[in-house]
Full PDB file with SEQRES, HELIX, SHEET, SSBOND, CRYST1, ORIGX, SCALE, CONECT and MASTER records, all heavy atoms in Angstrom:
SEQRES   1 A   31  ASN LYS VAL GLU LEU TRP ASP ILE GLU GLN PHE VAL LEU          
SEQRES   2 A   31  THR LEU ASP LYS GLU LEU LEU VAL SER GLU GLU GLU TYR          
SEQRES   3 A   31  GLN LYS ARG ILE THR                                          
HELIX    1 AA1 LYS A    2  LEU A   13  1                                  12    
HELIX    2 AA2 LYS A   17  LEU A   19  5                                   3    
HELIX    3 AA3 GLU A   23  ILE A   30  1                                   8    
CRYST1    1.000    1.000    1.000  90.00  90.00  90.00 P 1           1          
ORIGX1      1.000000  0.000000  0.000000        0.00000                         
ORIGX2      0.000000  1.000000  0.000000        0.00000                         
ORIGX3      0.000000  0.000000  1.000000        0.00000                         
SCALE1      1.000000  0.000000  0.000000        0.00000                         
SCALE2      0.000000  1.000000  0.000000        0.00000                         
SCALE3      0.000000  0.000000  1.000000        0.00000                         
ATOM      1  N   ASN A   1     190.610  85.626-167.137  1.00  0.00           N  
ATOM      2  CA  ASN A   1     191.274  86.657-166.445  1.00  0.00           C  
ATOM      3  C   ASN A   1     190.308  87.429-165.578  1.00  0.00           C  
ATOM      4  O   ASN A   1     190.030  88.703-165.647  1.00  0.00           O  
ATOM      5  CB  ASN A   1     191.788  87.667-167.510  1.00  0.00           C  
ATOM      6  CG  ASN A   1     192.915  87.020-168.327  1.00  0.00           C  
ATOM      7  OD1 ASN A   1     193.503  86.051-167.906  1.00  0.00           O  
ATOM      8  ND2 ASN A   1     192.967  87.474-169.532  1.00  0.00           N  
ATOM      9  N   LYS A   2     189.694  86.789-164.523  1.00  0.00           N  
ATOM     10  CA  LYS A   2     188.631  87.386-163.712  1.00  0.00           C  
ATOM     11  C   LYS A   2     189.241  88.370-162.782  1.00  0.00           C  
ATOM     12  O   LYS A   2     188.454  89.252-162.467  1.00  0.00           O  
ATOM     13  CB  LYS A   2     187.907  86.210-163.054  1.00  0.00           C  
ATOM     14  CG  LYS A   2     187.120  85.380-163.952  1.00  0.00           C  
ATOM     15  CD  LYS A   2     186.302  84.290-163.393  1.00  0.00           C  
ATOM     16  CE  LYS A   2     185.571  83.550-164.321  1.00  0.00           C  
ATOM     17  NZ  LYS A   2     184.875  82.409-163.837  1.00  0.00           N  
ATOM     18  N   VAL A   3     190.526  88.227-162.372  1.00  0.00           N  
ATOM     19  CA  VAL A   3     191.078  89.246-161.444  1.00  0.00           C  
ATOM     20  C   VAL A   3     191.101  90.603-162.150  1.00  0.00           C  
ATOM     21  O   VAL A   3     190.736  91.606-161.643  1.00  0.00           O  
ATOM     22  CB  VAL A   3     192.409  88.789-161.020  1.00  0.00           C  
ATOM     23  CG1 VAL A   3     193.078  89.889-160.201  1.00  0.00           C  
ATOM     24  CG2 VAL A   3     192.273  87.586-160.073  1.00  0.00           C  
ATOM     25  N   GLU A   4     191.625  90.583-163.364  1.00  0.00           N  
ATOM     26  CA  GLU A   4     191.713  91.845-164.186  1.00  0.00           C  
ATOM     27  C   GLU A   4     190.345  92.434-164.513  1.00  0.00           C  
ATOM     28  O   GLU A   4     190.197  93.605-164.313  1.00  0.00           O  
ATOM     29  CB  GLU A   4     192.453  91.592-165.508  1.00  0.00           C  
ATOM     30  CG  GLU A   4     193.963  91.344-165.406  1.00  0.00           C  
ATOM     31  CD  GLU A   4     194.258  89.854-165.361  1.00  0.00           C  
ATOM     32  OE1 GLU A   4     193.358  89.002-164.933  1.00  0.00           O  
ATOM     33  OE2 GLU A   4     195.388  89.494-165.555  1.00  0.00           O  
ATOM     34  N   LEU A   5     189.391  91.580-164.704  1.00  0.00           N  
ATOM     35  CA  LEU A   5     188.090  92.128-164.988  1.00  0.00           C  
ATOM     36  C   LEU A   5     187.500  92.686-163.755  1.00  0.00           C  
ATOM     37  O   LEU A   5     186.901  93.719-163.794  1.00  0.00           O  
ATOM     38  CB  LEU A   5     187.104  91.017-165.433  1.00  0.00           C  
ATOM     39  CG  LEU A   5     185.640  91.387-165.788  1.00  0.00           C  
ATOM     40  CD1 LEU A   5     185.532  92.431-166.789  1.00  0.00           C  
ATOM     41  CD2 LEU A   5     184.879  90.177-166.053  1.00  0.00           C  
ATOM     42  N   TRP A   6     187.729  92.123-162.494  1.00  0.00           N  
ATOM     43  CA  TRP A   6     187.263  92.711-161.246  1.00  0.00           C  
ATOM     44  C   TRP A   6     187.798  94.013-161.096  1.00  0.00           C  
ATOM     45  O   TRP A   6     187.251  94.907-160.556  1.00  0.00           O  
ATOM     46  CB  TRP A   6     187.571  91.682-160.126  1.00  0.00           C  
ATOM     47  CG  TRP A   6     186.963  92.115-158.952  1.00  0.00           C  
ATOM     48  CD1 TRP A   6     185.694  91.890-158.297  1.00  0.00           C  
ATOM     49  CD2 TRP A   6     187.500  92.945-157.760  1.00  0.00           C  
ATOM     50  NE1 TRP A   6     185.537  92.539-157.138  1.00  0.00           N  
ATOM     51  CE2 TRP A   6     186.674  93.078-156.744  1.00  0.00           C  
ATOM     52  CE3 TRP A   6     188.833  93.428-157.744  1.00  0.00           C  
ATOM     53  CZ2 TRP A   6     186.990  93.838-155.636  1.00  0.00           C  
ATOM     54  CZ3 TRP A   6     189.127  94.163-156.599  1.00  0.00           C  
ATOM     55  CH2 TRP A   6     188.282  94.319-155.596  1.00  0.00           C  
ATOM     56  N   ASP A   7     189.168  94.137-161.343  1.00  0.00           N  
ATOM     57  CA  ASP A   7     189.844  95.406-161.148  1.00  0.00           C  
ATOM     58  C   ASP A   7     189.323  96.415-162.039  1.00  0.00           C  
ATOM     59  O   ASP A   7     189.079  97.585-161.559  1.00  0.00           O  
ATOM     60  CB  ASP A   7     191.388  95.248-161.442  1.00  0.00           C  
ATOM     61  CG  ASP A   7     192.132  94.497-160.291  1.00  0.00           C  
ATOM     62  OD1 ASP A   7     191.617  94.302-159.229  1.00  0.00           O  
ATOM     63  OD2 ASP A   7     193.259  93.987-160.596  1.00  0.00           O  
ATOM     64  N   ILE A   8     188.939  96.195-163.269  1.00  0.00           N  
ATOM     65  CA  ILE A   8     188.312  97.126-164.118  1.00  0.00           C  
ATOM     66  C   ILE A   8     187.103  97.494-163.629  1.00  0.00           C  
ATOM     67  O   ILE A   8     186.643  98.690-163.668  1.00  0.00           O  
ATOM     68  CB  ILE A   8     188.298  96.559-165.636  1.00  0.00           C  
ATOM     69  CG1 ILE A   8     189.815  96.457-166.226  1.00  0.00           C  
ATOM     70  CG2 ILE A   8     187.384  97.413-166.472  1.00  0.00           C  
ATOM     71  CD1 ILE A   8     189.778  95.631-167.445  1.00  0.00           C  
ATOM     72  N   GLU A   9     186.247  96.587-163.332  1.00  0.00           N  
ATOM     73  CA  GLU A   9     184.922  96.936-162.725  1.00  0.00           C  
ATOM     74  C   GLU A   9     184.874  97.750-161.559  1.00  0.00           C  
ATOM     75  O   GLU A   9     184.138  98.745-161.363  1.00  0.00           O  
ATOM     76  CB  GLU A   9     184.123  95.591-162.527  1.00  0.00           C  
ATOM     77  CG  GLU A   9     183.816  94.880-163.779  1.00  0.00           C  
ATOM     78  CD  GLU A   9     183.163  93.531-163.553  1.00  0.00           C  
ATOM     79  OE1 GLU A   9     183.336  92.991-162.343  1.00  0.00           O  
ATOM     80  OE2 GLU A   9     182.621  92.902-164.420  1.00  0.00           O  
ATOM     81  N   GLN A  10     185.887  97.557-160.628  1.00  0.00           N  
ATOM     82  CA  GLN A  10     186.078  98.389-159.440  1.00  0.00           C  
ATOM     83  C   GLN A  10     186.470  99.739-159.948  1.00  0.00           C  
ATOM     84  O   GLN A  10     186.051 100.766-159.302  1.00  0.00           O  
ATOM     85  CB  GLN A  10     187.020  97.786-158.570  1.00  0.00           C  
ATOM     86  CG  GLN A  10     186.589  96.447-157.929  1.00  0.00           C  
ATOM     87  CD  GLN A  10     185.223  96.653-157.232  1.00  0.00           C  
ATOM     88  OE1 GLN A  10     185.010  97.417-156.334  1.00  0.00           O  
ATOM     89  NE2 GLN A  10     184.324  95.843-157.686  1.00  0.00           N  
ATOM     90  N   PHE A  11     187.410  99.888-160.843  1.00  0.00           N  
ATOM     91  CA  PHE A  11     187.788 101.223-161.231  1.00  0.00           C  
ATOM     92  C   PHE A  11     186.640 101.972-161.956  1.00  0.00           C  
ATOM     93  O   PHE A  11     186.533 103.138-161.610  1.00  0.00           O  
ATOM     94  CB  PHE A  11     188.948 101.069-162.391  1.00  0.00           C  
ATOM     95  CG  PHE A  11     189.429 102.413-162.996  1.00  0.00           C  
ATOM     96  CD1 PHE A  11     190.093 103.341-162.126  1.00  0.00           C  
ATOM     97  CD2 PHE A  11     189.082 102.669-164.265  1.00  0.00           C  
ATOM     98  CE1 PHE A  11     190.395 104.450-162.782  1.00  0.00           C  
ATOM     99  CE2 PHE A  11     189.484 103.846-164.811  1.00  0.00           C  
ATOM    100  CZ  PHE A  11     190.120 104.838-164.182  1.00  0.00           C  
ATOM    101  N   VAL A  12     185.847 101.272-162.743  1.00  0.00           N  
ATOM    102  CA  VAL A  12     184.794 101.957-163.425  1.00  0.00           C  
ATOM    103  C   VAL A  12     183.814 102.524-162.299  1.00  0.00           C  
ATOM    104  O   VAL A  12     183.199 103.672-162.485  1.00  0.00           O  
ATOM    105  CB  VAL A  12     184.071 101.050-164.357  1.00  0.00           C  
ATOM    106  CG1 VAL A  12     182.667 101.538-164.786  1.00  0.00           C  
ATOM    107  CG2 VAL A  12     184.934 100.802-165.548  1.00  0.00           C  
ATOM    108  N   LEU A  13     183.647 101.822-161.165  1.00  0.00           N  
ATOM    109  CA  LEU A  13     182.729 102.315-160.217  1.00  0.00           C  
ATOM    110  C   LEU A  13     183.115 103.571-159.510  1.00  0.00           C  
ATOM    111  O   LEU A  13     182.452 104.361-159.031  1.00  0.00           O  
ATOM    112  CB  LEU A  13     182.583 101.298-159.018  1.00  0.00           C  
ATOM    113  CG  LEU A  13     181.822  99.984-159.398  1.00  0.00           C  
ATOM    114  CD1 LEU A  13     181.919  99.034-158.217  1.00  0.00           C  
ATOM    115  CD2 LEU A  13     180.357 100.316-159.776  1.00  0.00           C  
ATOM    116  N   THR A  14     184.494 103.967-159.683  1.00  0.00           N  
ATOM    117  CA  THR A  14     185.050 105.228-159.120  1.00  0.00           C  
ATOM    118  C   THR A  14     184.892 106.379-160.113  1.00  0.00           C  
ATOM    119  O   THR A  14     185.061 107.494-159.646  1.00  0.00           O  
ATOM    120  CB  THR A  14     186.514 104.959-158.774  1.00  0.00           C  
ATOM    121  OG1 THR A  14     187.278 104.868-160.015  1.00  0.00           O  
ATOM    122  CG2 THR A  14     186.759 103.870-157.848  1.00  0.00           C  
ATOM    123  N   LEU A  15     184.474 106.133-161.271  1.00  0.00           N  
ATOM    124  CA  LEU A  15     184.387 107.179-162.280  1.00  0.00           C  
ATOM    125  C   LEU A  15     183.087 107.881-162.255  1.00  0.00           C  
ATOM    126  O   LEU A  15     182.093 107.401-161.886  1.00  0.00           O  
ATOM    127  CB  LEU A  15     184.622 106.667-163.719  1.00  0.00           C  
ATOM    128  CG  LEU A  15     185.932 105.851-163.908  1.00  0.00           C  
ATOM    129  CD1 LEU A  15     185.880 105.357-165.401  1.00  0.00           C  
ATOM    130  CD2 LEU A  15     187.018 106.899-163.874  1.00  0.00           C  
ATOM    131  N   ASP A  16     183.129 109.186-162.594  1.00  0.00           N  
ATOM    132  CA  ASP A  16     181.887 109.914-162.792  1.00  0.00           C  
ATOM    133  C   ASP A  16     180.994 109.366-163.867  1.00  0.00           C  
ATOM    134  O   ASP A  16     181.542 109.082-164.859  1.00  0.00           O  
ATOM    135  CB  ASP A  16     182.363 111.430-163.139  1.00  0.00           C  
ATOM    136  CG  ASP A  16     181.153 112.395-163.157  1.00  0.00           C  
ATOM    137  OD1 ASP A  16     179.915 111.976-163.364  1.00  0.00           O  
ATOM    138  OD2 ASP A  16     181.337 113.546-162.841  1.00  0.00           O  
ATOM    139  N   LYS A  17     179.768 109.168-163.529  1.00  0.00           N  
ATOM    140  CA  LYS A  17     178.755 108.576-164.421  1.00  0.00           C  
ATOM    141  C   LYS A  17     178.728 109.295-165.814  1.00  0.00           C  
ATOM    142  O   LYS A  17     178.353 108.700-166.849  1.00  0.00           O  
ATOM    143  CB  LYS A  17     177.407 108.349-163.899  1.00  0.00           C  
ATOM    144  CG  LYS A  17     177.434 107.596-162.547  1.00  0.00           C  
ATOM    145  CD  LYS A  17     177.982 106.237-162.747  1.00  0.00           C  
ATOM    146  CE  LYS A  17     177.871 105.411-161.485  1.00  0.00           C  
ATOM    147  NZ  LYS A  17     179.030 104.574-161.164  1.00  0.00           N  
ATOM    148  N   GLU A  18     179.040 110.618-165.742  1.00  0.00           N  
ATOM    149  CA  GLU A  18     179.004 111.296-167.025  1.00  0.00           C  
ATOM    150  C   GLU A  18     180.121 110.882-167.910  1.00  0.00           C  
ATOM    151  O   GLU A  18     179.966 111.163-169.182  1.00  0.00           O  
ATOM    152  CB  GLU A  18     179.155 112.852-166.725  1.00  0.00           C  
ATOM    153  CG  GLU A  18     178.044 113.516-165.929  1.00  0.00           C  
ATOM    154  CD  GLU A  18     176.679 113.330-166.604  1.00  0.00           C  
ATOM    155  OE1 GLU A  18     176.739 113.706-167.861  1.00  0.00           O  
ATOM    156  OE2 GLU A  18     175.681 112.923-166.033  1.00  0.00           O  
ATOM    157  N   LEU A  19     181.080 110.191-167.460  1.00  0.00           N  
ATOM    158  CA  LEU A  19     182.186 109.776-168.362  1.00  0.00           C  
ATOM    159  C   LEU A  19     181.896 108.429-169.067  1.00  0.00           C  
ATOM    160  O   LEU A  19     182.669 108.001-170.052  1.00  0.00           O  
ATOM    161  CB  LEU A  19     183.532 109.528-167.604  1.00  0.00           C  
ATOM    162  CG  LEU A  19     183.933 110.889-166.863  1.00  0.00           C  
ATOM    163  CD1 LEU A  19     185.213 110.498-165.987  1.00  0.00           C  
ATOM    164  CD2 LEU A  19     184.342 111.917-167.837  1.00  0.00           C  
ATOM    165  N   LEU A  20     180.824 107.846-168.700  1.00  0.00           N  
ATOM    166  CA  LEU A  20     180.522 106.402-169.133  1.00  0.00           C  
ATOM    167  C   LEU A  20     179.354 106.520-170.056  1.00  0.00           C  
ATOM    168  O   LEU A  20     178.432 107.169-170.036  1.00  0.00           O  
ATOM    169  CB  LEU A  20     180.051 105.592-167.927  1.00  0.00           C  
ATOM    170  CG  LEU A  20     181.063 105.529-166.799  1.00  0.00           C  
ATOM    171  CD1 LEU A  20     180.587 104.740-165.654  1.00  0.00           C  
ATOM    172  CD2 LEU A  20     182.379 104.987-167.323  1.00  0.00           C  
ATOM    173  N   VAL A  21     179.364 105.463-171.017  1.00  0.00           N  
ATOM    174  CA  VAL A  21     178.247 105.250-171.958  1.00  0.00           C  
ATOM    175  C   VAL A  21     177.203 104.474-171.346  1.00  0.00           C  
ATOM    176  O   VAL A  21     177.414 103.933-170.240  1.00  0.00           O  
ATOM    177  CB  VAL A  21     178.789 104.460-173.247  1.00  0.00           C  
ATOM    178  CG1 VAL A  21     179.751 105.220-174.059  1.00  0.00           C  
ATOM    179  CG2 VAL A  21     179.257 103.131-172.829  1.00  0.00           C  
ATOM    180  N   SER A  22     176.051 104.474-171.892  1.00  0.00           N  
ATOM    181  CA  SER A  22     174.908 103.688-171.266  1.00  0.00           C  
ATOM    182  C   SER A  22     175.280 102.243-171.285  1.00  0.00           C  
ATOM    183  O   SER A  22     176.088 101.797-172.131  1.00  0.00           O  
ATOM    184  CB  SER A  22     173.667 103.942-171.980  1.00  0.00           C  
ATOM    185  OG  SER A  22     173.734 103.448-173.304  1.00  0.00           O  
ATOM    186  N   GLU A  23     174.608 101.443-170.536  1.00  0.00           N  
ATOM    187  CA  GLU A  23     174.786  99.937-170.583  1.00  0.00           C  
ATOM    188  C   GLU A  23     174.443  99.269-171.941  1.00  0.00           C  
ATOM    189  O   GLU A  23     175.083  98.457-172.470  1.00  0.00           O  
ATOM    190  CB  GLU A  23     173.849  99.291-169.468  1.00  0.00           C  
ATOM    191  CG  GLU A  23     174.149  97.832-169.366  1.00  0.00           C  
ATOM    192  CD  GLU A  23     175.540  97.451-168.956  1.00  0.00           C  
ATOM    193  OE1 GLU A  23     176.112  98.145-168.398  1.00  0.00           O  
ATOM    194  OE2 GLU A  23     175.890  96.238-169.282  1.00  0.00           O  
ATOM    195  N   GLU A  24     173.403  99.990-172.519  1.00  0.00           N  
ATOM    196  CA  GLU A  24     172.980  99.474-173.991  1.00  0.00           C  
ATOM    197  C   GLU A  24     174.217  99.817-174.951  1.00  0.00           C  
ATOM    198  O   GLU A  24     174.533  98.977-175.697  1.00  0.00           O  
ATOM    199  CB  GLU A  24     171.789 100.242-174.314  1.00  0.00           C  
ATOM    200  CG  GLU A  24     171.256  99.839-175.797  1.00  0.00           C  
ATOM    201  CD  GLU A  24     169.999 100.615-176.156  1.00  0.00           C  
ATOM    202  OE1 GLU A  24     169.240 101.250-175.284  1.00  0.00           O  
ATOM    203  OE2 GLU A  24     169.697 100.827-177.389  1.00  0.00           O  
ATOM    204  N   GLU A  25     174.825 100.989-174.840  1.00  0.00           N  
ATOM    205  CA  GLU A  25     175.868 101.437-175.724  1.00  0.00           C  
ATOM    206  C   GLU A  25     177.069 100.476-175.471  1.00  0.00           C  
ATOM    207  O   GLU A  25     177.738 100.035-176.390  1.00  0.00           O  
ATOM    208  CB  GLU A  25     176.208 102.840-175.618  1.00  0.00           C  
ATOM    209  CG  GLU A  25     177.321 103.350-176.527  1.00  0.00           C  
ATOM    210  CD  GLU A  25     177.124 103.197-178.030  1.00  0.00           C  
ATOM    211  OE1 GLU A  25     175.933 103.138-178.405  1.00  0.00           O  
ATOM    212  OE2 GLU A  25     178.061 103.149-178.790  1.00  0.00           O  
ATOM    213  N   TYR A  26     177.376 100.268-174.122  1.00  0.00           N  
ATOM    214  CA  TYR A  26     178.438  99.316-173.760  1.00  0.00           C  
ATOM    215  C   TYR A  26     178.257  97.962-174.378  1.00  0.00           C  
ATOM    216  O   TYR A  26     179.260  97.515-174.909  1.00  0.00           O  
ATOM    217  CB  TYR A  26     178.569  99.294-172.227  1.00  0.00           C  
ATOM    218  CG  TYR A  26     179.519  98.235-171.746  1.00  0.00           C  
ATOM    219  CD1 TYR A  26     180.929  98.443-171.875  1.00  0.00           C  
ATOM    220  CD2 TYR A  26     179.110  97.117-171.258  1.00  0.00           C  
ATOM    221  CE1 TYR A  26     181.801  97.553-171.426  1.00  0.00           C  
ATOM    222  CE2 TYR A  26     179.951  96.119-170.783  1.00  0.00           C  
ATOM    223  CZ  TYR A  26     181.314  96.360-170.886  1.00  0.00           C  
ATOM    224  OH  TYR A  26     182.203  95.443-170.526  1.00  0.00           O  
ATOM    225  N   GLN A  27     177.108  97.358-174.284  1.00  0.00           N  
ATOM    226  CA  GLN A  27     176.821  96.055-174.788  1.00  0.00           C  
ATOM    227  C   GLN A  27     177.076  96.043-176.315  1.00  0.00           C  
ATOM    228  O   GLN A  27     177.626  95.065-176.916  1.00  0.00           O  
ATOM    229  CB  GLN A  27     175.450  95.518-174.405  1.00  0.00           C  
ATOM    230  CG  GLN A  27     175.350  95.191-172.941  1.00  0.00           C  
ATOM    231  CD  GLN A  27     176.363  94.301-172.429  1.00  0.00           C  
ATOM    232  OE1 GLN A  27     176.694  93.269-173.180  1.00  0.00           O  
ATOM    233  NE2 GLN A  27     176.834  94.402-171.218  1.00  0.00           N  
ATOM    234  N   LYS A  28     176.587  97.166-177.021  1.00  0.00           N  
ATOM    235  CA  LYS A  28     176.700  97.189-178.452  1.00  0.00           C  
ATOM    236  C   LYS A  28     178.244  97.249-178.830  1.00  0.00           C  
ATOM    237  O   LYS A  28     178.754  96.539-179.727  1.00  0.00           O  
ATOM    238  CB  LYS A  28     176.018  98.529-178.939  1.00  0.00           C  
ATOM    239  CG  LYS A  28     176.195  98.769-180.393  1.00  0.00           C  
ATOM    240  CD  LYS A  28     175.537 100.013-180.733  1.00  0.00           C  
ATOM    241  CE  LYS A  28     175.928 100.509-182.207  1.00  0.00           C  
ATOM    242  NZ  LYS A  28     175.510 101.855-182.404  1.00  0.00           N  
ATOM    243  N   ARG A  29     178.973  98.007-177.992  1.00  0.00           N  
ATOM    244  CA  ARG A  29     180.418  98.108-178.357  1.00  0.00           C  
ATOM    245  C   ARG A  29     181.083  96.801-178.151  1.00  0.00           C  
ATOM    246  O   ARG A  29     181.968  96.296-178.926  1.00  0.00           O  
ATOM    247  CB  ARG A  29     181.092  99.159-177.505  1.00  0.00           C  
ATOM    248  CG  ARG A  29     180.633 100.630-177.840  1.00  0.00           C  
ATOM    249  CD  ARG A  29     181.278 101.554-177.016  1.00  0.00           C  
ATOM    250  NE  ARG A  29     181.154 103.010-177.456  1.00  0.00           N  
ATOM    251  CZ  ARG A  29     181.723 104.056-176.944  1.00  0.00           C  
ATOM    252  NH1 ARG A  29     182.590 103.960-175.929  1.00  0.00           N  
ATOM    253  NH2 ARG A  29     181.422 105.257-177.425  1.00  0.00           N  
ATOM    254  N   ILE A  30     180.762  96.167-176.992  1.00  0.00           N  
ATOM    255  CA  ILE A  30     181.438  94.843-176.625  1.00  0.00           C  
ATOM    256  C   ILE A  30     181.110  93.760-177.685  1.00  0.00           C  
ATOM    257  O   ILE A  30     181.902  92.978-178.111  1.00  0.00           O  
ATOM    258  CB  ILE A  30     181.029  94.323-175.244  1.00  0.00           C  
ATOM    259  CG1 ILE A  30     181.698  95.317-174.133  1.00  0.00           C  
ATOM    260  CG2 ILE A  30     181.330  92.938-175.005  1.00  0.00           C  
ATOM    261  CD1 ILE A  30     183.180  95.126-174.157  1.00  0.00           C  
ATOM    262  N   THR A  31     179.878  93.798-178.232  1.00  0.00           N  
ATOM    263  CA  THR A  31     179.506  92.862-179.253  1.00  0.00           C  
ATOM    264  C   THR A  31     180.365  93.063-180.494  1.00  0.00           C  
ATOM    265  O   THR A  31     180.776  92.090-181.059  1.00  0.00           O  
ATOM    266  CB  THR A  31     177.976  92.951-179.546  1.00  0.00           C  
ATOM    267  OG1 THR A  31     177.369  92.745-178.475  1.00  0.00           O  
ATOM    268  CG2 THR A  31     177.592  92.093-180.776  1.00  0.00           C  
TER     269      THR A  31                                                      
MASTER        0    0    0    3    0    0    0    6  268    1    0    3          
END                                                                             
């Protein structure tokens, strides 16, 4: 589902960085 993933990634780029977890935390959650 690469199209959906691309859409999500594009949406995340529009968000304020304060709303996002660190890359390390994201990888932990995804695992």
